[in-house]
Protein backbone atom coordinates (compact mmCIF):
# COMPACT_ATOMS: atom_id res chain seq x y z
CA MET A 1 15.00 -22.09 5.76
CA GLY A 2 14.41 -18.23 6.60
CA ILE A 3 13.16 -17.62 2.66
CA VAL A 4 10.87 -20.87 3.28
CA GLU A 5 9.59 -19.65 6.63
CA ASN A 6 8.74 -16.17 5.19
CA ASN A 7 6.71 -17.70 2.17
CA LEU A 8 4.67 -19.80 4.82
CA GLY A 9 4.01 -16.52 6.62
CA GLN A 10 6.53 -17.17 9.55
CA HIS A 11 8.22 -14.11 9.97
CA ALA A 12 9.45 -13.90 13.35
CA ALA A 13 11.30 -17.24 12.50
CA SER A 14 12.29 -16.02 9.20
CA LEU A 15 14.00 -13.21 10.46
CA HIS A 16 15.64 -15.28 13.57
CA HIS A 17 17.29 -17.75 11.05
CA LEU A 18 18.33 -14.85 8.84
CA GLN A 19 19.96 -12.88 11.39
CA GLN A 20 21.89 -16.19 12.32
CA ALA A 21 23.03 -16.59 8.53
CA LEU A 22 24.04 -12.98 8.52
CA GLU A 23 26.39 -13.61 11.28
CA VAL A 24 27.68 -16.63 9.96
CA ARG A 25 28.74 -15.38 6.81
CA ARG A 26 30.15 -12.26 8.40
CA ILE A 27 32.45 -14.57 10.07
CA ASN A 28 33.69 -16.85 7.38
CA GLU A 29 33.52 -14.33 4.48
CA GLY A 30 33.94 -10.59 5.79
CA GLU A 31 31.88 -8.02 6.35
CA GLU A 32 30.77 -7.55 2.82
CA SER A 33 30.47 -10.36 0.42
CA ILE A 34 27.56 -11.39 -2.28
CA GLY A 35 26.62 -13.91 0.20
CA VAL A 36 25.87 -11.21 3.13
CA ALA A 37 24.16 -8.77 0.70
CA ASP A 38 22.11 -12.08 -0.35
CA VAL A 39 20.99 -12.10 3.58
CA HIS A 40 20.29 -8.23 3.88
CA HIS A 41 18.20 -8.63 0.43
CA SER A 42 16.03 -11.51 2.08
CA LYS A 43 15.89 -9.85 5.54
CA GLY A 44 14.66 -6.71 3.42
CA GLN A 45 11.65 -9.25 1.69
CA VAL A 46 10.85 -10.43 4.97
CA TYR A 47 10.16 -6.87 6.57
CA ASP A 48 8.39 -5.81 3.31
CA SER A 49 6.15 -8.89 4.05
CA GLN A 50 5.25 -7.30 7.32
CA GLY A 51 4.55 -3.76 5.66
CA LEU A 52 7.34 -2.73 7.52
CA TYR A 53 8.45 -0.61 4.50
CA GLU A 54 11.33 1.88 6.37
CA LEU A 55 13.07 -1.46 7.87
CA ALA A 56 12.80 -3.39 4.28
CA ALA A 57 14.22 -0.10 2.58
CA ARG A 58 17.31 -0.18 5.09
CA GLU A 59 18.28 -4.07 4.25
CA HIS A 60 17.69 -3.79 0.36
CA GLN A 61 20.03 -0.46 0.33
CA THR A 62 22.54 -2.08 2.04
CA ALA A 63 22.42 -4.91 -0.21
CA LEU A 64 22.80 -2.86 -2.99
CA GLU A 65 25.51 -0.82 -1.67
CA ILE A 66 27.55 -4.02 -1.13
CA LYS A 67 27.11 -5.49 -4.73
CA LEU A 68 27.69 -1.65 -6.11
CA ARG A 69 31.16 -2.10 -4.54
CA LEU A 70 31.49 -5.95 -5.47
CA CYS A 71 30.06 -6.55 -8.66
CA ASP A 72 30.37 -5.46 -12.43
CA PRO A 73 27.55 -2.59 -12.80
CA GLN A 74 25.55 -4.51 -15.07
CA ASP A 75 25.13 -7.50 -12.92
CA ASP A 76 21.84 -8.62 -12.97
CA SER A 77 21.73 -9.02 -9.02
CA ILE A 78 22.43 -5.19 -8.88
CA ALA A 79 19.29 -4.79 -11.24
CA THR A 80 17.46 -7.03 -8.57
CA SER A 81 18.04 -4.64 -5.77
CA TYR A 82 17.06 -1.44 -7.65
CA ASN A 83 13.72 -2.96 -8.50
CA SER A 84 13.29 -4.13 -4.91
CA ILE A 85 14.03 -0.86 -3.54
CA GLY A 86 11.38 0.65 -5.99
CA ALA A 87 8.77 -1.97 -4.90
CA VAL A 88 9.28 -0.70 -1.05
CA ALA A 89 9.20 2.86 -2.64
CA MET A 90 5.77 2.47 -4.16
CA ASN A 91 4.28 0.79 -0.58
CA LEU A 92 5.77 4.15 1.03
CA GLY A 93 3.99 6.35 -1.34
CA ASN A 94 7.44 7.46 -2.93
CA MET A 95 6.56 7.28 -6.44
CA ASP A 96 9.03 9.48 -8.22
CA SER A 97 11.78 7.23 -6.13
CA ALA A 98 10.25 4.08 -7.03
CA ARG A 99 10.30 5.00 -10.99
CA HIS A 100 14.00 5.99 -10.53
CA SER A 101 15.01 2.97 -8.89
CA PHE A 102 12.90 0.91 -11.92
CA GLU A 103 14.51 2.97 -14.39
CA LYS A 104 18.27 2.16 -12.91
CA ALA A 105 16.95 -1.51 -13.08
CA LEU A 106 15.42 -1.63 -16.39
CA GLU A 107 18.61 0.11 -17.86
CA ILE A 108 20.71 -2.52 -16.58
CA ARG A 109 18.47 -5.42 -17.75
CA LEU A 110 18.21 -3.87 -21.14
CA THR A 111 21.98 -3.99 -21.77
CA SER A 112 22.41 -7.46 -19.93
CA LEU A 113 19.00 -9.46 -20.99
CA GLY A 114 17.77 -7.39 -23.78
CA PRO A 115 14.33 -5.77 -24.40
CA ASN A 116 12.84 -9.17 -25.46
CA HIS A 117 13.70 -10.92 -22.08
CA PRO A 118 10.91 -11.62 -19.42
CA GLN A 119 12.73 -9.89 -16.74
CA THR A 120 12.78 -6.84 -19.04
CA ALA A 121 8.97 -6.95 -19.24
CA MET A 122 8.52 -7.59 -15.76
CA LEU A 123 10.15 -3.71 -15.14
CA TYR A 124 8.17 -2.38 -17.66
CA GLY A 125 5.11 -3.44 -15.49
CA ASN A 126 6.76 -2.08 -12.62
CA LEU A 127 7.49 1.21 -14.12
CA ALA A 128 3.80 1.28 -15.27
CA ALA A 129 2.85 0.92 -11.30
CA ALA A 130 4.80 3.78 -10.40
CA SER A 131 3.65 6.33 -13.12
CA ASN A 132 0.36 5.42 -12.33
CA GLY A 133 0.79 6.54 -8.65
CA LEU A 134 2.16 9.90 -10.00
CA SER A 135 -1.24 11.64 -9.78
CA GLU A 136 0.09 15.11 -10.38
CA ASP A 137 1.46 14.19 -13.76
CA PRO A 138 -1.52 14.67 -16.63
CA MET A 139 0.49 12.10 -18.71
CA ALA A 140 1.53 9.70 -15.96
CA MET A 141 -1.52 7.32 -16.52
CA GLN A 142 -1.24 7.37 -20.72
CA GLN A 143 2.61 6.43 -19.58
CA ALA A 144 1.65 3.92 -17.75
CA LEU A 145 -0.88 2.30 -20.15
CA ASP A 146 1.90 2.45 -23.08
CA LEU A 147 4.09 0.53 -20.25
CA ARG A 148 1.58 -2.19 -19.79
CA ILE A 149 0.97 -2.56 -23.27
CA LYS A 150 4.78 -3.03 -23.87
CA SER A 151 5.22 -5.07 -20.88
CA LEU A 152 2.04 -7.71 -22.65
CA HIS A 153 3.85 -7.69 -26.03
CA THR A 154 7.32 -8.52 -24.99
CA PHE A 155 5.99 -11.49 -22.61
CA GLN A 156 3.47 -12.73 -25.78
CA SER A 157 6.71 -12.77 -27.93
CA SER A 158 9.47 -14.37 -25.26
CA LEU A 159 7.10 -16.76 -23.59
CA GLY A 160 3.95 -17.06 -26.00
CA ARG A 161 0.50 -15.98 -25.92
CA ASP A 162 -0.91 -18.93 -23.49
CA HIS A 163 1.82 -18.41 -20.83
CA PRO A 164 0.54 -17.74 -17.46
CA THR A 165 2.84 -14.88 -16.94
CA THR A 166 1.49 -13.39 -20.18
CA ALA A 167 -1.96 -13.79 -18.50
CA ASP A 168 -0.48 -12.00 -15.50
CA SER A 169 0.22 -9.05 -17.93
CA HIS A 170 -3.31 -9.39 -19.47
CA LEU A 171 -4.87 -8.93 -15.89
CA SER A 172 -2.67 -5.65 -15.00
CA LEU A 173 -3.66 -4.09 -18.46
CA GLY A 174 -7.41 -4.68 -17.73
CA LEU A 175 -7.30 -3.05 -14.20
CA GLN A 176 -5.05 -0.34 -16.01
CA TYR A 177 -8.20 -0.23 -18.64
CA GLU A 178 -10.88 0.46 -15.90
CA GLU A 179 -8.81 2.90 -14.07
CA MET A 180 -8.94 4.84 -17.10
CA GLY A 181 -12.52 4.07 -17.80
CA ALA A 182 -12.15 1.90 -20.96
CA ILE A 183 -14.38 -0.80 -19.39
CA GLU A 184 -14.82 -2.64 -22.41
CA ALA A 185 -11.29 -3.09 -22.93
CA ALA A 186 -10.74 -4.12 -19.34
CA ARG A 187 -13.21 -6.66 -19.57
CA GLU A 188 -11.56 -8.29 -23.00
CA ASN A 189 -8.05 -8.25 -20.95
CA LEU A 190 -9.36 -9.81 -17.60
CA GLU A 191 -11.61 -12.47 -19.94
CA LYS A 192 -8.36 -13.35 -21.69
CA ALA A 193 -6.47 -13.59 -18.34
CA LEU A 194 -9.06 -15.92 -16.69
CA ALA A 195 -9.38 -18.28 -20.24
CA ILE A 196 -5.42 -18.39 -19.69
CA TYR A 197 -5.41 -19.45 -16.21
CA ARG A 198 -7.70 -22.10 -16.65
CA HIS A 199 -6.44 -23.56 -19.53
CA ALA A 200 -3.20 -23.63 -17.55
CA PHE A 201 -4.04 -24.25 -14.29
CA GLY A 202 -7.69 -25.34 -14.28
CA ASP A 203 -10.51 -24.18 -12.13
CA GLU A 204 -9.21 -24.66 -8.75
CA HIS A 205 -6.08 -22.18 -8.64
CA PRO A 206 -5.31 -19.24 -6.88
CA ALA A 207 -4.70 -17.59 -10.44
CA THR A 208 -8.18 -18.26 -11.83
CA ALA A 209 -9.19 -16.94 -8.48
CA LYS A 210 -7.35 -13.99 -8.90
CA ALA A 211 -8.99 -13.06 -12.33
CA LEU A 212 -12.43 -13.88 -10.85
CA ASN A 213 -11.98 -11.74 -8.09
CA ASP A 214 -10.90 -8.84 -10.58
CA LEU A 215 -13.89 -9.53 -13.14
CA GLY A 216 -16.12 -9.44 -10.02
CA GLY A 217 -14.70 -5.94 -8.90
CA LEU A 218 -15.16 -4.54 -12.55
CA LEU A 219 -18.89 -5.75 -12.56
CA ILE A 220 -19.24 -4.13 -9.39
CA ASN A 221 -18.00 -0.90 -10.63
CA GLN A 222 -20.41 -1.06 -13.31
CA GLU A 223 -23.23 -1.66 -11.11
CA ASP A 224 -23.59 -5.26 -12.13
CA TYR A 225 -23.99 -6.17 -8.55
CA THR A 226 -25.48 -9.65 -9.30
CA THR A 227 -23.02 -10.98 -11.61
CA GLY A 228 -20.05 -9.27 -9.73
CA ALA A 229 -20.91 -10.84 -6.15
CA GLN A 230 -21.20 -14.34 -8.29
CA TYR A 231 -17.50 -14.07 -9.15
CA LEU A 232 -16.41 -12.28 -5.96
CA GLN A 233 -18.00 -15.47 -4.21
CA GLN A 234 -16.49 -17.71 -6.55
CA ALA A 235 -12.86 -16.03 -6.06
CA LEU A 236 -13.56 -16.20 -2.13
CA GLU A 237 -14.22 -20.10 -1.98
CA LEU A 238 -11.53 -21.11 -4.42
CA ARG A 239 -9.33 -19.16 -2.04
CA LYS A 240 -10.39 -20.62 0.86
CA LYS A 241 -9.60 -24.20 -0.76
CA THR A 242 -6.57 -23.70 -2.53
CA LEU A 243 -4.67 -21.34 -0.13
CA SER A 244 -5.73 -21.35 3.58
CA PRO A 245 -8.89 -19.70 5.20
CA THR A 246 -6.27 -17.05 6.90
CA HIS A 247 -4.14 -16.55 3.61
CA PRO A 248 -3.70 -12.75 2.65
CA LEU A 249 -5.69 -13.26 -0.55
CA VAL A 250 -8.46 -14.28 1.49
CA GLY A 251 -8.49 -11.00 3.42
CA GLU A 252 -8.83 -9.59 -0.11
CA SER A 253 -11.61 -11.30 -0.95
CA TYR A 254 -13.62 -10.78 2.27
CA ASP A 255 -12.48 -7.01 1.87
CA ASN A 256 -14.11 -6.58 -1.53
CA LEU A 257 -17.10 -8.58 -0.73
CA GLY A 258 -17.43 -5.73 2.22
CA SER A 259 -17.16 -3.15 -0.62
CA LEU A 260 -19.97 -4.80 -2.43
CA HIS A 261 -22.12 -4.76 0.55
CA LEU A 262 -21.11 -1.16 0.98
CA ASN A 263 -22.06 0.10 -2.22
CA GLN A 264 -25.45 -1.55 -1.54
CA MET A 265 -25.99 0.26 1.90
CA GLN A 266 -25.83 -3.33 3.43
CA PHE A 267 -23.95 -2.19 6.26
CA GLU A 268 -24.34 -5.16 8.85
CA GLU A 269 -23.28 -7.63 6.04
CA ALA A 270 -20.23 -4.86 4.89
CA ILE A 271 -19.07 -4.89 8.58
CA ALA A 272 -18.98 -8.50 8.78
CA ASN A 273 -16.65 -8.85 5.48
CA TYR A 274 -14.69 -5.69 6.67
CA THR A 275 -13.81 -7.42 9.98
CA HIS A 276 -12.85 -10.89 8.48
CA ALA A 277 -10.66 -9.04 6.03
CA LEU A 278 -8.88 -7.28 8.94
CA GLU A 279 -8.30 -10.04 11.12
CA ILE A 280 -6.77 -12.00 8.40
CA ARG A 281 -4.52 -9.28 7.39
CA GLN A 282 -3.54 -8.46 11.00
CA GLU A 283 -2.67 -12.03 11.46
CA ALA A 284 -1.07 -12.52 8.13
CA VAL A 285 0.95 -9.22 7.23
CA GLY A 286 0.86 -7.40 10.72
CA PRO A 287 -1.11 -4.04 12.01
CA PHE A 288 1.17 -1.35 9.97
CA HIS A 289 0.62 -3.46 6.12
CA SER A 290 -1.24 -0.70 4.01
CA ASP A 291 -3.65 -3.64 3.20
CA THR A 292 -4.54 -4.16 7.17
CA GLN A 293 -4.83 0.21 7.10
CA LYS A 294 -6.87 -0.11 3.95
CA SER A 295 -9.46 -2.65 6.18
CA GLN A 296 -9.38 -0.32 9.09
CA ARG A 297 -10.34 2.71 6.57
CA HIS A 298 -13.17 0.73 5.02
CA LEU A 299 -14.61 0.02 8.79
CA ILE A 300 -14.36 3.32 9.63
CA THR A 301 -16.20 4.63 6.42
CA THR A 302 -18.82 2.05 6.89
CA TYR A 303 -19.66 3.18 10.41
CA GLU A 304 -19.51 7.01 9.35
CA ASN A 305 -22.11 6.04 6.45
CA MET A 306 -24.42 4.12 8.69
CA GLY A 307 -24.51 7.51 11.16
CA ASN A 308 -24.81 9.24 8.19
CA LEU A 309 -28.31 7.59 7.19
CA HIS A 310 -29.55 7.12 10.56
CA GLN A 311 -29.37 10.93 10.65
CA ALA A 312 -30.59 11.88 7.78
CA GLN A 313 -33.66 9.59 8.90
CA GLY A 314 -33.96 11.51 12.24
CA SER A 315 -32.79 8.45 14.47
CA ILE A 316 -29.82 10.71 16.19
CA ASP A 317 -28.94 8.24 19.02
CA ASN A 318 -28.03 5.44 16.41
CA ALA A 319 -26.28 8.15 14.13
CA ILE A 320 -24.05 8.95 17.83
CA ILE A 321 -23.31 5.24 18.34
CA CYS A 322 -22.26 5.00 14.75
CA TYR A 323 -20.21 7.98 14.94
CA ARG A 324 -18.67 7.29 18.01
CA THR A 325 -17.84 3.69 17.18
CA ALA A 326 -15.92 5.24 13.74
CA ARG A 327 -14.26 7.91 15.62
CA ASP A 328 -12.80 5.87 18.33
CA ARG A 329 -11.31 3.30 15.84
CA CYS A 330 -9.94 6.03 13.70
CA LEU A 331 -8.28 7.62 17.38
CA ARG A 332 -7.04 4.43 17.82
CA VAL A 333 -5.59 3.43 14.88
CA PHE A 334 -4.79 6.87 12.67
CA GLY A 335 -4.41 9.39 15.72
CA PRO A 336 -6.08 12.69 16.31
CA ALA A 337 -4.48 14.43 13.33
CA ASP A 338 -6.07 12.05 10.99
CA ALA A 339 -8.65 14.02 8.78
CA ILE A 340 -11.12 11.47 9.12
CA THR A 341 -11.08 11.69 13.14
CA VAL A 342 -11.29 15.65 12.99
CA GLU A 343 -14.31 15.07 10.69
CA LEU A 344 -15.83 12.56 12.92
CA VAL A 345 -15.42 14.63 16.07
CA ALA A 346 -16.98 17.76 14.15
CA LYS A 347 -20.16 15.73 13.39
CA LEU A 348 -20.26 14.51 17.23
CA VAL A 349 -20.17 18.03 18.38
CA GLU A 350 -22.82 19.25 15.68
CA LEU A 351 -25.12 16.72 17.64
CA GLY A 352 -24.37 18.70 21.00
CA VAL A 353 -22.32 15.32 22.24
CA ASP A 354 -18.48 14.82 23.08
CA VAL A 355 -17.42 18.41 23.48
CA GLN A 356 -14.52 17.31 25.63
CA GLN A 357 -13.42 14.95 23.84
CA CYS A 358 -13.43 17.32 20.72
CA LEU A 359 -11.67 19.72 23.15
CA GLN A 360 -8.95 16.92 23.86
CA VAL A 361 -8.39 16.46 19.83
CA CYS A 362 -8.05 19.92 19.37
CA ARG A 363 -5.31 19.90 22.34
CA LEU A 364 -3.26 17.00 20.78
CA ASN A 365 -3.62 18.57 17.66
CA LEU A 366 -2.05 21.99 19.30
CA ILE A 367 0.69 20.54 20.70
CA LYS A 368 1.76 18.58 17.35
CA LEU A 369 1.49 21.65 15.24
CA HIS A 370 3.50 23.53 18.12
CA VAL A 371 6.47 21.14 18.08
CA THR A 372 6.65 21.43 14.30
CA LEU A 373 6.23 25.43 14.25
CA MET A 374 8.97 25.63 17.12
CA LYS A 375 11.00 23.24 15.03
CA ILE A 376 10.38 24.93 11.63
CA THR A 377 11.32 28.76 13.31
CA GLN A 378 14.54 27.21 14.89
CA LEU A 379 15.89 25.90 11.55
CA THR A 380 14.72 29.28 9.78
CA ASN A 381 16.97 31.28 12.18
CA THR A 382 19.44 29.09 12.17
CA SER A 383 19.69 29.64 8.38
CA VAL A 384 19.22 33.23 8.43
CA ARG A 385 22.08 33.52 11.16
CA ARG A 386 24.22 31.72 8.85
CA LEU A 387 22.94 33.97 5.89
CA PHE A 388 22.94 37.66 7.51
CA GLY A 389 24.39 37.29 11.03
CA THR A 390 22.66 37.96 14.10
CA ARG A 391 21.09 41.52 13.40
CA VAL A 392 18.14 40.35 11.60
CA VAL A 393 17.01 37.37 13.51
CA ALA A 394 14.63 39.16 16.09
CA LYS A 395 12.69 39.92 12.73
CA VAL A 396 12.35 36.45 12.09
CA ASP A 397 12.01 35.00 15.39
CA ILE A 398 7.87 36.49 14.90
CA ILE A 399 7.49 33.76 12.33
CA TYR A 400 6.15 31.90 15.61
CA SER A 401 5.82 32.88 19.30
CA PRO A 402 5.34 30.00 21.75
CA ASP A 403 3.13 32.57 23.54
CA LEU A 404 1.05 32.14 20.61
CA PHE A 405 0.69 28.20 21.62
CA THR A 406 0.15 29.11 25.16
CA SER A 407 -2.99 31.33 24.15
CA MET A 408 -4.53 28.77 21.85
CA PHE A 409 -3.72 26.02 24.34
CA THR A 410 -5.64 27.69 26.96
CA HIS A 411 -8.49 28.53 24.94
CA CYS A 412 -8.90 25.04 24.44
CA HIS A 413 -9.24 24.37 28.40
CA THR A 414 -12.21 26.67 28.68
């Protein structure tokens, strides 16, 4: 029941029933059993759906540790846990950790299922996604492309060229090509995916809507706004019809339409669509999910861009209203240390307003900096004592002095 409720978006009820199941299995099967591990895994999936990635990681790690003690090292359920841990690590932005987990899962599946199994192909795709996130690695994007192609070929050989999962792989490969600037190859793969979905499911299916949505995004990035808007609008209407008006993918469509209008400096339309997306995402996946946070960022960016335009046109009062709206949202959602918060505060001060709010942000950031530096200094001094004794600690203590904080903080009040 808990898994079904999660699929329906009823996360609280799902967690409640999964916790009940966990307690029953602990009584009947002991603290460690495959059944207990399975419930931990399911709880991790629910937390992941809510964007509570730290909690998800903890549940998946618990499931993995139980399986490692009870199962054969090549058991596919261990690969499943590694794959889930990798997916959560990606959501947390830990791409090295994600790639390591996906590689562990792939190693098991290559042995247990072979190189031409669909589950193996899926892991090639997951590894590609993790490689894409390693922006500091100049070879990462090419590695990701190679893995996407390998995944596609494996799906084609194991499932067939017209299978919907093969279409999924075409879709991912198309987006990879788009990111690399190979627009013709991107469009070719996205159109292949759309054709397969239409053949397999018909015109009115969520998968068809997904392909339309991604094609629309590609066209918009090429500044073909008219055709791109048509695709995006079709995707939105299909998703509302085949899913529900409050489904997360409907939120994605509204978010993409918001970006379309923002690119054309149609700010009011952008705000309306981004607001729809935010409302849906807050309800469907919660305020801390990365998609919800993205919608917040988009709204902040739109108000800031409106302010920039008003300022450039000499309409300072309207610019101030827009900057304040963006600043207040950014402060509320992301806090005073966020780079965009600081940027917006600085813009308002440059216009000669809200100096006290600027000082308040400075004070909050100084407090945060003070706490961090005190911890660093304490840890450094402790390490030096262990290595060299107490004689040199006085020299190290000048790394950071609380008196410096007092001076800076007092300056912010004056």
